[in-house]
Amino acid sequence: MTFDERLTAVHVIQRFVRMSRTLIPLFYELRKTALPSPTDEEDIHRIRLIYDNFKADPSVSLSLINSDIIHLIKEVYSKLLHDPLNKDNSTYNEFIRESDRLIDQWNRIEMN
């Protein structure tokens, strides 16, 4: 992989992590709703389209940004999809911590 390709891949990961930091918590709240409104159902459908079509290899984030964030995103999404009440929040909380850490790190780099 060339330097430019690596740089592009890192930017794609950054955008995906930032987007996921918003969408995964929203999906979590929507999935807990007992009687979702039609708007909620549409939001759930749109979020599912994104993550159901997401095919990135989790090892990519390990090699490019030294983080298992892609694996965490996939795991959290899968758990929320199959268990909306998700009584075990450990993976979700780990995703929140890791995505916040990465976003904070990227923001500090951008400020320099």
Protein backbone atom coordinates (compact mmCIF):
# COMPACT_ATOMS: atom_id res chain seq x y z
CA MET A 1 0.00 0.00 0.00
CA THR A 2 1.40 3.38 -0.98
CA PHE A 3 1.63 6.29 1.41
CA ASP A 4 -1.28 8.06 -0.32
CA GLU A 5 -3.43 4.92 -0.11
CA ARG A 6 -2.64 4.54 3.60
CA LEU A 7 -3.48 8.20 4.21
CA THR A 8 -6.78 7.84 2.36
CA ALA A 9 -7.61 4.68 4.32
CA VAL A 10 -6.90 6.44 7.63
CA HIS A 11 -9.19 9.33 6.64
CA VAL A 12 -11.96 6.88 5.73
CA ILE A 13 -11.57 5.15 9.12
CA GLN A 14 -11.66 8.52 10.89
CA ARG A 15 -14.89 9.52 9.14
CA PHE A 16 -16.45 6.14 9.85
CA VAL A 17 -15.51 6.26 13.54
CA ARG A 18 -16.85 9.82 13.91
CA MET A 19 -20.09 8.83 12.17
CA SER A 20 -20.38 5.67 14.28
CA ARG A 21 -19.89 7.66 17.48
CA THR A 22 -23.18 9.38 16.63
CA LEU A 23 -25.09 6.54 14.98
CA ILE A 24 -24.35 3.67 17.37
CA PRO A 25 -25.71 5.52 20.46
CA LEU A 26 -28.74 6.61 18.42
CA PHE A 27 -29.28 3.01 17.28
CA TYR A 28 -28.93 1.87 20.90
CA GLU A 29 -31.67 4.26 22.03
CA LEU A 30 -33.94 3.48 19.09
CA ARG A 31 -33.63 -0.28 19.65
CA LYS A 32 -34.67 0.12 23.30
CA THR A 33 -37.90 1.90 22.30
CA ALA A 34 -40.87 -0.38 22.91
CA LEU A 35 -43.11 1.26 20.29
CA PRO A 36 -40.96 3.12 17.76
CA SER A 37 -42.64 5.80 15.71
CA PRO A 38 -42.57 5.67 11.90
CA THR A 39 -39.70 8.17 12.00
CA ASP A 40 -37.82 5.96 14.45
CA GLU A 41 -38.43 2.94 12.20
CA GLU A 42 -37.02 4.88 9.24
CA ASP A 43 -33.96 5.89 11.27
CA ILE A 44 -33.42 2.27 12.31
CA HIS A 45 -33.71 1.17 8.68
CA ARG A 46 -31.17 3.76 7.49
CA ILE A 47 -28.67 2.87 10.20
CA ARG A 48 -29.08 -0.82 9.39
CA LEU A 49 -28.37 -0.12 5.71
CA ILE A 50 -25.06 1.46 6.65
CA TYR A 51 -23.84 -1.25 9.00
CA ASP A 52 -25.30 -4.23 7.13
CA ASN A 53 -23.30 -3.15 4.07
CA PHE A 54 -20.12 -2.42 6.02
CA LYS A 55 -17.53 -5.04 5.02
CA ALA A 56 -14.20 -3.69 6.32
CA ASP A 57 -11.74 -6.16 7.78
CA PRO A 58 -11.29 -5.37 11.50
CA SER A 59 -7.54 -5.91 11.18
CA VAL A 60 -7.34 -2.79 9.02
CA SER A 61 -7.85 -0.45 11.97
CA LEU A 62 -5.27 -2.37 13.98
CA SER A 63 -2.65 -1.99 11.28
CA LEU A 64 -3.45 1.61 10.31
CA ILE A 65 -4.39 3.31 13.59
CA ASN A 66 -3.36 0.74 16.19
CA SER A 67 -6.92 0.31 17.47
CA ASP A 68 -9.53 -2.43 17.37
CA ILE A 69 -12.27 0.15 16.79
CA ILE A 70 -13.62 -1.51 13.63
CA HIS A 71 -14.02 -4.79 15.50
CA LEU A 72 -15.77 -2.95 18.35
CA ILE A 73 -18.17 -1.21 15.96
CA LYS A 74 -19.07 -4.50 14.30
CA GLU A 75 -19.50 -6.27 17.63
CA VAL A 76 -21.63 -3.54 19.21
CA TYR A 77 -23.85 -3.28 16.13
CA SER A 78 -24.33 -7.05 16.04
CA LYS A 79 -25.24 -7.17 19.74
CA LEU A 80 -27.72 -4.30 19.40
CA LEU A 81 -29.25 -5.90 16.35
CA HIS A 82 -29.80 -9.25 18.02
CA ASP A 83 -30.45 -8.09 21.59
CA PRO A 84 -32.09 -4.64 21.61
CA LEU A 85 -32.13 -4.38 25.40
CA ASN A 86 -28.43 -5.35 25.54
CA LYS A 87 -28.15 -5.96 29.26
CA ASP A 88 -24.38 -6.42 28.98
CA ASN A 89 -23.09 -2.96 28.10
CA SER A 90 -19.39 -3.76 28.40
CA THR A 91 -18.69 -3.83 24.64
CA TYR A 92 -20.84 -0.74 24.07
CA ASN A 93 -18.98 1.11 26.82
CA GLU A 94 -15.64 -0.03 25.41
CA PHE A 95 -16.69 1.30 21.99
CA ILE A 96 -17.63 4.66 23.54
CA ARG A 97 -14.31 4.94 25.40
CA GLU A 98 -12.20 3.92 22.39
CA SER A 99 -14.04 6.10 19.89
CA ASP A 100 -13.83 9.09 22.26
CA ARG A 101 -10.11 8.46 22.76
CA LEU A 102 -9.48 8.30 19.01
CA ILE A 103 -11.60 11.35 18.22
CA ASP A 104 -9.87 13.33 20.97
CA GLN A 105 -6.47 12.27 19.61
CA TRP A 106 -7.43 13.23 16.05
CA ASN A 107 -8.82 16.57 17.19
CA ARG A 108 -5.56 17.38 19.00
CA ILE A 109 -3.57 16.49 15.90
CA GLU A 110 -5.79 18.70 13.73
CA MET A 111 -5.28 21.63 16.09
CA ASN A 112 -1.50 21.48 15.65
